[in-house]
Amino acid sequence: MTINDATTASLHDLDVSLCSYGDSEGDRLKKIAALANMAVRLRDNAPPEEREWINEALHALAVKHRVPDECVLPQPG
């Protein structure tokens, strides 16, 4: 499946942005907020066939930046 270039670019930009934060608790909270906000934006604007890929990419970013999965998991309902 081909993923929208804008989606790929947004995820790359988010990763670069998250790398600029440190390891303090305040920076950790900023990472969580950035990931959660991007997750909502991407899912709201993505075609249904991209959502599983987006979820996997967001999960990978959460793991890479050592933040809880809960900040990127889709909400039920």
C-alpha atoms as a PDB file:
ATOM      1  CA  MET A   1       0.000   0.000   0.000  1.00  0.00           C
ATOM      2  CA  THR A   2       1.192   3.502  -0.805  1.00  0.00           C
ATOM      3  CA  ILE A   3       1.168   5.870   2.141  1.00  0.00           C
ATOM      4  CA  ASN A   4       0.376   9.529   1.607  1.00  0.00           C
ATOM      5  CA  ASP A   5       3.588  11.574   1.348  1.00  0.00           C
ATOM      6  CA  ALA A   6       2.188  14.188   3.720  1.00  0.00           C
ATOM      7  CA  THR A   7       1.574  11.508   6.369  1.00  0.00           C
ATOM      8  CA  THR A   8       5.089  10.155   6.009  1.00  0.00           C
ATOM      9  CA  ALA A   9       6.536  13.665   6.199  1.00  0.00           C
ATOM     10  CA  SER A  10       4.470  14.491   9.291  1.00  0.00           C
ATOM     11  CA  LEU A  11       5.716  11.395  11.086  1.00  0.00           C
ATOM     12  CA  HIS A  12       9.312  12.159  10.122  1.00  0.00           C
ATOM     13  CA  ASP A  13       8.982  15.760  11.319  1.00  0.00           C
ATOM     14  CA  LEU A  14       7.475  14.542  14.584  1.00  0.00           C
ATOM     15  CA  ASP A  15      10.386  12.164  15.113  1.00  0.00           C
ATOM     16  CA  VAL A  16      12.908  14.947  14.484  1.00  0.00           C
ATOM     17  CA  SER A  17      11.024  17.230  16.864  1.00  0.00           C
ATOM     18  CA  LEU A  18      10.894  14.592  19.603  1.00  0.00           C
ATOM     19  CA  CYS A  19      14.666  14.110  19.322  1.00  0.00           C
ATOM     20  CA  SER A  20      15.145  17.732  20.359  1.00  0.00           C
ATOM     21  CA  TYR A  21      13.635  17.104  23.795  1.00  0.00           C
ATOM     22  CA  GLY A  22      15.739  15.977  26.732  1.00  0.00           C
ATOM     23  CA  ASP A  23      15.060  13.349  29.372  1.00  0.00           C
ATOM     24  CA  SER A  24      13.521  15.515  32.095  1.00  0.00           C
ATOM     25  CA  GLU A  25       9.992  14.823  33.279  1.00  0.00           C
ATOM     26  CA  GLY A  26       8.826  18.064  31.663  1.00  0.00           C
ATOM     27  CA  ASP A  27      10.326  17.044  28.326  1.00  0.00           C
ATOM     28  CA  ARG A  28       8.779  13.596  28.655  1.00  0.00           C
ATOM     29  CA  LEU A  29       5.361  15.215  29.108  1.00  0.00           C
ATOM     30  CA  LYS A  30       5.980  17.400  26.039  1.00  0.00           C
ATOM     31  CA  LYS A  31       6.788  14.264  24.025  1.00  0.00           C
ATOM     32  CA  ILE A  32       3.567  12.607  25.199  1.00  0.00           C
ATOM     33  CA  ALA A  33       1.517  15.677  24.268  1.00  0.00           C
ATOM     34  CA  ALA A  34       3.154  15.968  20.841  1.00  0.00           C
ATOM     35  CA  LEU A  35       2.588  12.289  20.066  1.00  0.00           C
ATOM     36  CA  ALA A  36      -1.017  12.343  21.279  1.00  0.00           C
ATOM     37  CA  ASN A  37      -1.857  15.470  19.289  1.00  0.00           C
ATOM     38  CA  MET A  38      -0.264  14.113  16.122  1.00  0.00           C
ATOM     39  CA  ALA A  39      -2.017  10.764  16.560  1.00  0.00           C
ATOM     40  CA  VAL A  40      -5.411  12.452  16.657  1.00  0.00           C
ATOM     41  CA  ARG A  41      -4.623  14.710  13.701  1.00  0.00           C
ATOM     42  CA  LEU A  42      -3.281  11.916  11.524  1.00  0.00           C
ATOM     43  CA  ARG A  43      -6.141   9.529  12.270  1.00  0.00           C
ATOM     44  CA  ASP A  44      -8.774  12.197  11.711  1.00  0.00           C
ATOM     45  CA  ASN A  45      -7.347  13.062   8.297  1.00  0.00           C
ATOM     46  CA  ALA A  46      -6.178   9.650   7.083  1.00  0.00           C
ATOM     47  CA  PRO A  47      -8.083   7.393   4.744  1.00  0.00           C
ATOM     48  CA  PRO A  48      -9.187   4.178   6.486  1.00  0.00           C
ATOM     49  CA  GLU A  49      -6.647   2.051   4.617  1.00  0.00           C
ATOM     50  CA  GLU A  50      -3.744   4.058   6.112  1.00  0.00           C
ATOM     51  CA  ARG A  51      -4.840   3.905   9.741  1.00  0.00           C
ATOM     52  CA  GLU A  52      -3.237   0.565  10.618  1.00  0.00           C
ATOM     53  CA  TRP A  53       0.088   1.726   9.168  1.00  0.00           C
ATOM     54  CA  ILE A  54      -0.203   5.020  11.055  1.00  0.00           C
ATOM     55  CA  ASN A  55      -0.879   3.144  14.308  1.00  0.00           C
ATOM     56  CA  GLU A  56       2.236   1.016  13.766  1.00  0.00           C
ATOM     57  CA  ALA A  57       4.378   4.078  13.007  1.00  0.00           C
ATOM     58  CA  LEU A  58       3.073   5.926  16.077  1.00  0.00           C
ATOM     59  CA  HIS A  59       3.736   2.880  18.258  1.00  0.00           C
ATOM     60  CA  ALA A  60       7.300   2.718  16.942  1.00  0.00           C
ATOM     61  CA  LEU A  61       7.840   6.403  17.759  1.00  0.00           C
ATOM     62  CA  ALA A  62       6.455   5.947  21.271  1.00  0.00           C
ATOM     63  CA  VAL A  63       8.832   3.047  21.889  1.00  0.00           C
ATOM     64  CA  LYS A  64      11.791   4.894  20.351  1.00  0.00           C
ATOM     65  CA  HIS A  65      11.209   7.952  22.533  1.00  0.00           C
ATOM     66  CA  ARG A  66      10.337   5.933  25.646  1.00  0.00           C
ATOM     67  CA  VAL A  67       6.823   7.208  26.234  1.00  0.00           C
ATOM     68  CA  PRO A  68       3.733   5.118  27.038  1.00  0.00           C
ATOM     69  CA  ASP A  69       1.758   3.549  24.224  1.00  0.00           C
ATOM     70  CA  GLU A  70      -1.434   4.941  25.701  1.00  0.00           C
ATOM     71  CA  CYS A  71      -0.616   8.355  24.266  1.00  0.00           C
ATOM     72  CA  VAL A  72      -0.835   7.051  20.682  1.00  0.00           C
ATOM     73  CA  LEU A  73      -3.359   4.225  20.865  1.00  0.00           C
ATOM     74  CA  PRO A  74      -6.703   4.889  19.182  1.00  0.00           C
ATOM     75  CA  GLN A  75      -9.595   5.463  21.521  1.00  0.00           C
ATOM     76  CA  PRO A  76     -12.378   2.864  21.310  1.00  0.00           C
ATOM     77  CA  GLY A  77     -15.771   3.884  20.055  1.00  0.00           C
END
